[in-house]
Every structure is written in C-alpha cells, then in structure tokens.
Amino acid sequence: MRDLLFVDDLVDAMLLAQTNIAAVSGRAFNIGGGPARTMSLVELVDTIGTLQARPVTLDHEDWRAADQRYYDSDTRKFGEATGWSPRIGVEQGVRALYDWLRTTRPVTAVA
C-alpha cells in the first residue's frame, strides 16, 4: 500500500508553501496523499485494467527484505501551517493520468 498524490495537489502544496513561507521556513514536512488516498499496486493494476477494458497480466516475485509493505504520509503538520489538503481522489487521479497518457503517448502493441 502506498499513498498517491495527484500532481495538481502537489503544485497546490508548493504554491501554498511559497505563500506561507514565514510559517514553513526551516521546517520539514511530509507531502503525499495521506491515509485517505492509499492503493495497493494490485489495486492500481486492476484499475488500469478496468480503464483499458482488458486485464493487466502480472508476474509476482517474493517480497524483498527491505520492501516497505505500507506507507502513507502524515500531512497534518503541513496542513496546519498552510491550510492545504489534497483534493483529487485516487481513482480520479489515476483516471486523469491514464486519459492524459492516452492522448499524449502513442499506443504500442505488447508482444
């Protein structure tokens, strides 16, 4: 599981940091989608399969010792300093990225 953050939300966060530079200067913050915007890689692949109307084939390997199985960012500190919170949900963001890629990238056949 990972949290996902749509790029528009990241840009909003950076602009708010600039606007609130006195409140954020010299401080470290986590920026991400947070617990409400998490998705597993399998769920992401299933979502992509749904969007393209055909399943995606996966090859699974064993977990590596250093793999982090779950991560979500705690963005409360940045939100308190700037009023920021992500607006774009996971499914909406994945769909927007998928649609953008379909319109800007050539489709290639997979052997």
N, C-alpha and C. Protein backbone atom coordinates (compact mmCIF):
# COMPACT_ATOMS: atom_id res chain seq x y z
N MET A 1 0.85 -1.18 0.00
CA MET A 1 0.00 0.00 0.00
C MET A 1 0.89 1.24 0.00
N ARG A 2 0.50 2.17 -0.84
CA ARG A 2 1.17 3.46 -0.91
C ARG A 2 0.11 4.54 -0.99
N ASP A 3 0.46 5.72 -0.48
CA ASP A 3 -0.47 6.82 -0.71
C ASP A 3 -0.11 7.45 -2.05
N LEU A 4 -1.13 7.95 -2.71
CA LEU A 4 -0.96 8.55 -4.03
C LEU A 4 -1.37 10.01 -3.96
N LEU A 5 -0.59 10.84 -4.63
CA LEU A 5 -0.88 12.27 -4.66
C LEU A 5 -0.88 12.72 -6.11
N PHE A 6 -1.96 13.31 -6.54
CA PHE A 6 -2.07 13.82 -7.90
C PHE A 6 -1.21 15.07 -8.02
N VAL A 7 -0.57 15.25 -9.14
CA VAL A 7 0.40 16.33 -9.33
C VAL A 7 -0.23 17.71 -9.10
N ASP A 8 -1.49 17.91 -9.46
CA ASP A 8 -2.13 19.20 -9.21
C ASP A 8 -2.16 19.53 -7.71
N ASP A 9 -2.37 18.51 -6.87
CA ASP A 9 -2.36 18.72 -5.43
C ASP A 9 -0.96 19.05 -4.93
N LEU A 10 0.06 18.45 -5.52
CA LEU A 10 1.44 18.77 -5.15
C LEU A 10 1.77 20.21 -5.53
N VAL A 11 1.37 20.62 -6.72
CA VAL A 11 1.61 22.00 -7.15
C VAL A 11 0.91 22.97 -6.20
N ASP A 12 -0.32 22.66 -5.82
CA ASP A 12 -1.04 23.50 -4.85
C ASP A 12 -0.26 23.60 -3.54
N ALA A 13 0.29 22.48 -3.08
CA ALA A 13 1.06 22.47 -1.84
C ALA A 13 2.30 23.37 -1.96
N MET A 14 2.99 23.27 -3.08
CA MET A 14 4.19 24.10 -3.27
C MET A 14 3.86 25.58 -3.34
N LEU A 15 2.76 25.92 -4.00
CA LEU A 15 2.33 27.32 -4.07
C LEU A 15 1.93 27.84 -2.70
N LEU A 16 1.25 27.01 -1.91
CA LEU A 16 0.89 27.42 -0.55
C LEU A 16 2.13 27.56 0.33
N ALA A 17 3.13 26.71 0.12
CA ALA A 17 4.38 26.85 0.88
C ALA A 17 5.02 28.19 0.56
N GLN A 18 5.01 28.57 -0.71
CA GLN A 18 5.58 29.85 -1.10
C GLN A 18 4.80 31.01 -0.47
N THR A 19 3.47 30.92 -0.52
CA THR A 19 2.62 31.96 0.04
C THR A 19 2.80 32.07 1.56
N ASN A 20 3.04 30.93 2.21
CA ASN A 20 3.18 30.88 3.67
C ASN A 20 4.63 30.65 4.09
N ILE A 21 5.56 31.26 3.38
CA ILE A 21 6.97 30.98 3.60
C ILE A 21 7.40 31.24 5.05
N ALA A 22 6.85 32.23 5.70
CA ALA A 22 7.23 32.51 7.09
C ALA A 22 6.84 31.37 8.02
N ALA A 23 5.71 30.72 7.74
CA ALA A 23 5.22 29.63 8.59
C ALA A 23 5.94 28.32 8.32
N VAL A 24 6.51 28.15 7.14
CA VAL A 24 7.11 26.85 6.79
C VAL A 24 8.63 26.88 6.71
N SER A 25 9.21 28.06 6.68
CA SER A 25 10.66 28.18 6.51
C SER A 25 11.41 27.43 7.61
N GLY A 26 12.37 26.58 7.18
CA GLY A 26 13.21 25.84 8.10
C GLY A 26 12.57 24.61 8.71
N ARG A 27 11.36 24.28 8.31
CA ARG A 27 10.65 23.12 8.85
C ARG A 27 10.58 22.01 7.81
N ALA A 28 10.53 20.78 8.27
CA ALA A 28 10.38 19.63 7.37
C ALA A 28 8.93 19.15 7.41
N PHE A 29 8.40 18.78 6.24
CA PHE A 29 7.02 18.34 6.12
C PHE A 29 6.95 17.09 5.25
N ASN A 30 5.96 16.26 5.52
CA ASN A 30 5.62 15.15 4.62
C ASN A 30 4.51 15.63 3.70
N ILE A 31 4.70 15.37 2.41
CA ILE A 31 3.67 15.71 1.43
C ILE A 31 3.32 14.42 0.69
N GLY A 32 2.06 14.09 0.68
CA GLY A 32 1.59 12.89 0.00
C GLY A 32 0.08 12.87 0.05
N GLY A 33 -0.48 11.76 -0.36
CA GLY A 33 -1.93 11.63 -0.39
C GLY A 33 -2.55 11.37 0.97
N GLY A 34 -1.77 10.82 1.89
CA GLY A 34 -2.29 10.53 3.22
C GLY A 34 -3.12 9.26 3.24
N PRO A 35 -3.58 8.88 4.43
CA PRO A 35 -4.30 7.61 4.59
C PRO A 35 -5.56 7.48 3.76
N ALA A 36 -6.21 8.58 3.43
CA ALA A 36 -7.45 8.51 2.65
C ALA A 36 -7.20 8.26 1.16
N ARG A 37 -5.94 8.33 0.76
CA ARG A 37 -5.62 8.18 -0.66
C ARG A 37 -4.56 7.09 -0.85
N THR A 38 -4.85 5.92 -0.33
CA THR A 38 -3.93 4.79 -0.47
C THR A 38 -4.47 3.77 -1.45
N MET A 39 -3.55 3.04 -2.06
CA MET A 39 -3.92 1.99 -3.01
C MET A 39 -2.75 1.02 -3.09
N SER A 40 -3.08 -0.25 -3.20
CA SER A 40 -2.02 -1.25 -3.39
C SER A 40 -1.65 -1.28 -4.87
N LEU A 41 -0.49 -1.83 -5.16
CA LEU A 41 -0.07 -1.97 -6.55
C LEU A 41 -1.05 -2.86 -7.31
N VAL A 42 -1.54 -3.90 -6.67
CA VAL A 42 -2.52 -4.78 -7.32
C VAL A 42 -3.79 -4.00 -7.64
N GLU A 43 -4.27 -3.19 -6.70
CA GLU A 43 -5.46 -2.36 -6.96
C GLU A 43 -5.21 -1.37 -8.10
N LEU A 44 -4.02 -0.80 -8.13
CA LEU A 44 -3.68 0.13 -9.21
C LEU A 44 -3.70 -0.57 -10.56
N VAL A 45 -3.10 -1.74 -10.62
CA VAL A 45 -3.08 -2.50 -11.87
C VAL A 45 -4.51 -2.90 -12.27
N ASP A 46 -5.34 -3.30 -11.31
CA ASP A 46 -6.74 -3.62 -11.61
C ASP A 46 -7.49 -2.40 -12.13
N THR A 47 -7.22 -1.24 -11.55
CA THR A 47 -7.86 0.00 -12.01
C THR A 47 -7.45 0.31 -13.44
N ILE A 48 -6.17 0.14 -13.75
CA ILE A 48 -5.70 0.36 -15.12
C ILE A 48 -6.36 -0.63 -16.07
N GLY A 49 -6.47 -1.88 -15.65
CA GLY A 49 -7.16 -2.88 -16.46
C GLY A 49 -8.60 -2.49 -16.74
N THR A 50 -9.29 -1.97 -15.75
CA THR A 50 -10.66 -1.51 -15.94
C THR A 50 -10.72 -0.35 -16.92
N LEU A 51 -9.81 0.60 -16.77
CA LEU A 51 -9.79 1.76 -17.67
C LEU A 51 -9.53 1.37 -19.11
N GLN A 52 -8.67 0.38 -19.32
CA GLN A 52 -8.36 -0.01 -20.70
C GLN A 52 -9.23 -1.17 -21.19
N ALA A 53 -10.16 -1.60 -20.36
CA ALA A 53 -11.14 -2.64 -20.70
C ALA A 53 -10.47 -3.98 -21.04
N ARG A 54 -9.34 -4.24 -20.43
CA ARG A 54 -8.70 -5.56 -20.53
C ARG A 54 -7.76 -5.72 -19.34
N PRO A 55 -7.70 -6.92 -18.80
CA PRO A 55 -6.87 -7.13 -17.62
C PRO A 55 -5.38 -6.98 -17.93
N VAL A 56 -4.65 -6.61 -16.91
CA VAL A 56 -3.20 -6.50 -16.99
C VAL A 56 -2.61 -7.75 -16.35
N THR A 57 -1.69 -8.38 -17.04
CA THR A 57 -1.04 -9.58 -16.52
C THR A 57 0.13 -9.19 -15.63
N LEU A 58 0.21 -9.83 -14.48
CA LEU A 58 1.29 -9.56 -13.53
C LEU A 58 2.11 -10.82 -13.30
N ASP A 59 3.38 -10.64 -13.10
CA ASP A 59 4.26 -11.70 -12.60
C ASP A 59 4.65 -11.31 -11.19
N HIS A 60 4.39 -12.17 -10.24
CA HIS A 60 4.70 -11.87 -8.84
C HIS A 60 6.02 -12.48 -8.44
N GLU A 61 6.78 -11.75 -7.67
CA GLU A 61 8.04 -12.22 -7.09
C GLU A 61 7.89 -12.19 -5.57
N ASP A 62 8.81 -12.82 -4.88
CA ASP A 62 8.81 -12.78 -3.42
C ASP A 62 9.13 -11.36 -2.94
N TRP A 63 8.64 -11.06 -1.74
CA TRP A 63 8.98 -9.78 -1.12
C TRP A 63 10.47 -9.72 -0.90
N ARG A 64 11.04 -8.54 -1.12
CA ARG A 64 12.44 -8.32 -0.79
C ARG A 64 12.51 -7.89 0.67
N ALA A 65 13.61 -8.20 1.34
CA ALA A 65 13.74 -7.92 2.78
C ALA A 65 13.52 -6.44 3.11
N ALA A 66 13.95 -5.55 2.24
CA ALA A 66 13.85 -4.12 2.53
C ALA A 66 12.55 -3.47 2.04
N ASP A 67 11.66 -4.25 1.42
CA ASP A 67 10.41 -3.67 0.93
C ASP A 67 9.56 -3.15 2.08
N GLN A 68 9.04 -1.96 1.91
CA GLN A 68 8.11 -1.39 2.87
C GLN A 68 6.71 -1.75 2.40
N ARG A 69 5.98 -2.49 3.19
CA ARG A 69 4.68 -3.01 2.74
C ARG A 69 3.57 -1.97 2.79
N TYR A 70 3.70 -0.96 3.62
CA TYR A 70 2.64 0.03 3.75
C TYR A 70 3.27 1.39 4.02
N TYR A 71 2.83 2.40 3.30
CA TYR A 71 3.29 3.76 3.56
C TYR A 71 2.19 4.74 3.23
N ASP A 72 1.94 5.64 4.16
CA ASP A 72 1.13 6.80 3.85
C ASP A 72 1.71 7.99 4.60
N SER A 73 1.64 9.13 3.97
CA SER A 73 2.22 10.35 4.52
C SER A 73 1.30 10.98 5.54
N ASP A 74 1.89 11.48 6.63
CA ASP A 74 1.14 12.25 7.61
C ASP A 74 1.31 13.72 7.26
N THR A 75 0.32 14.28 6.62
CA THR A 75 0.41 15.65 6.11
C THR A 75 -0.22 16.68 7.04
N ARG A 76 -0.59 16.27 8.24
CA ARG A 76 -1.29 17.18 9.15
C ARG A 76 -0.48 18.43 9.47
N LYS A 77 0.82 18.28 9.70
CA LYS A 77 1.68 19.41 10.06
C LYS A 77 1.69 20.47 8.95
N PHE A 78 1.80 20.02 7.70
CA PHE A 78 1.79 20.96 6.59
C PHE A 78 0.40 21.59 6.44
N GLY A 79 -0.63 20.79 6.61
CA GLY A 79 -2.00 21.31 6.54
C GLY A 79 -2.26 22.37 7.59
N GLU A 80 -1.76 22.15 8.81
CA GLU A 80 -1.94 23.13 9.88
C GLU A 80 -1.19 24.43 9.57
N ALA A 81 -0.03 24.32 8.93
CA ALA A 81 0.78 25.50 8.63
C ALA A 81 0.25 26.29 7.44
N THR A 82 -0.44 25.61 6.52
CA THR A 82 -0.82 26.28 5.26
C THR A 82 -2.30 26.20 4.91
N GLY A 83 -3.03 25.30 5.55
CA GLY A 83 -4.43 25.08 5.19
C GLY A 83 -4.61 24.09 4.06
N TRP A 84 -3.51 23.48 3.59
CA TRP A 84 -3.54 22.56 2.45
C TRP A 84 -4.08 21.20 2.82
N SER A 85 -4.79 20.60 1.90
CA SER A 85 -5.11 19.19 1.93
C SER A 85 -5.34 18.76 0.48
N PRO A 86 -5.04 17.50 0.16
CA PRO A 86 -5.25 17.05 -1.21
C PRO A 86 -6.73 17.08 -1.57
N ARG A 87 -7.02 17.38 -2.83
CA ARG A 87 -8.40 17.46 -3.31
C ARG A 87 -8.76 16.30 -4.23
N ILE A 88 -7.79 15.78 -4.97
CA ILE A 88 -8.05 14.79 -6.01
C ILE A 88 -7.97 13.39 -5.41
N GLY A 89 -9.04 12.61 -5.56
CA GLY A 89 -9.06 11.24 -5.06
C GLY A 89 -8.22 10.32 -5.92
N VAL A 90 -7.93 9.14 -5.40
CA VAL A 90 -7.08 8.18 -6.09
C VAL A 90 -7.65 7.79 -7.45
N GLU A 91 -8.88 7.34 -7.48
CA GLU A 91 -9.47 6.90 -8.74
C GLU A 91 -9.54 8.04 -9.76
N GLN A 92 -9.92 9.22 -9.30
CA GLN A 92 -9.99 10.39 -10.18
C GLN A 92 -8.60 10.73 -10.72
N GLY A 93 -7.58 10.67 -9.88
CA GLY A 93 -6.22 10.97 -10.31
C GLY A 93 -5.67 9.93 -11.27
N VAL A 94 -5.91 8.65 -10.99
CA VAL A 94 -5.44 7.59 -11.89
C VAL A 94 -6.13 7.72 -13.24
N ARG A 95 -7.42 8.00 -13.23
CA ARG A 95 -8.15 8.18 -14.50
C ARG A 95 -7.61 9.38 -15.27
N ALA A 96 -7.36 10.49 -14.59
CA ALA A 96 -6.83 11.67 -15.28
C ALA A 96 -5.46 11.39 -15.87
N LEU A 97 -4.60 10.70 -15.14
CA LEU A 97 -3.28 10.34 -15.66
C LEU A 97 -3.41 9.39 -16.84
N TYR A 98 -4.27 8.40 -16.70
CA TYR A 98 -4.49 7.44 -17.78
C TYR A 98 -4.97 8.16 -19.05
N ASP A 99 -5.96 9.03 -18.89
CA ASP A 99 -6.50 9.77 -20.04
C ASP A 99 -5.43 10.65 -20.67
N TRP A 100 -4.63 11.32 -19.85
CA TRP A 100 -3.56 12.17 -20.37
C TRP A 100 -2.54 11.34 -21.13
N LEU A 101 -2.14 10.21 -20.57
CA LEU A 101 -1.18 9.35 -21.27
C LEU A 101 -1.74 8.85 -22.60
N ARG A 102 -3.01 8.49 -22.62
CA ARG A 102 -3.63 8.01 -23.86
C ARG A 102 -3.64 9.09 -24.95
N THR A 103 -3.77 10.34 -24.56
CA THR A 103 -3.83 11.41 -25.55
C THR A 103 -2.46 11.96 -25.94
N THR A 104 -1.45 11.71 -25.12
CA THR A 104 -0.14 12.29 -25.40
C THR A 104 0.93 11.28 -25.77
N ARG A 105 0.65 10.00 -25.57
CA ARG A 105 1.63 8.95 -25.86
C ARG A 105 1.09 8.02 -26.92
N PRO A 106 1.96 7.62 -27.85
CA PRO A 106 1.49 6.63 -28.84
C PRO A 106 1.23 5.28 -28.19
N VAL A 107 0.22 4.61 -28.66
CA VAL A 107 -0.10 3.27 -28.16
C VAL A 107 0.78 2.27 -28.89
N THR A 108 1.46 1.41 -28.14
CA THR A 108 2.30 0.39 -28.74
C THR A 108 1.76 -0.98 -28.38
N ALA A 109 1.90 -1.90 -29.28
CA ALA A 109 1.44 -3.27 -29.03
C ALA A 109 2.43 -3.96 -28.10
N VAL A 110 1.89 -4.76 -27.21
CA VAL A 110 2.72 -5.53 -26.29
C VAL A 110 2.75 -6.97 -26.81
N ALA A 111 3.96 -7.49 -26.98
CA ALA A 111 4.10 -8.85 -27.50
C ALA A 111 3.84 -9.87 -26.44
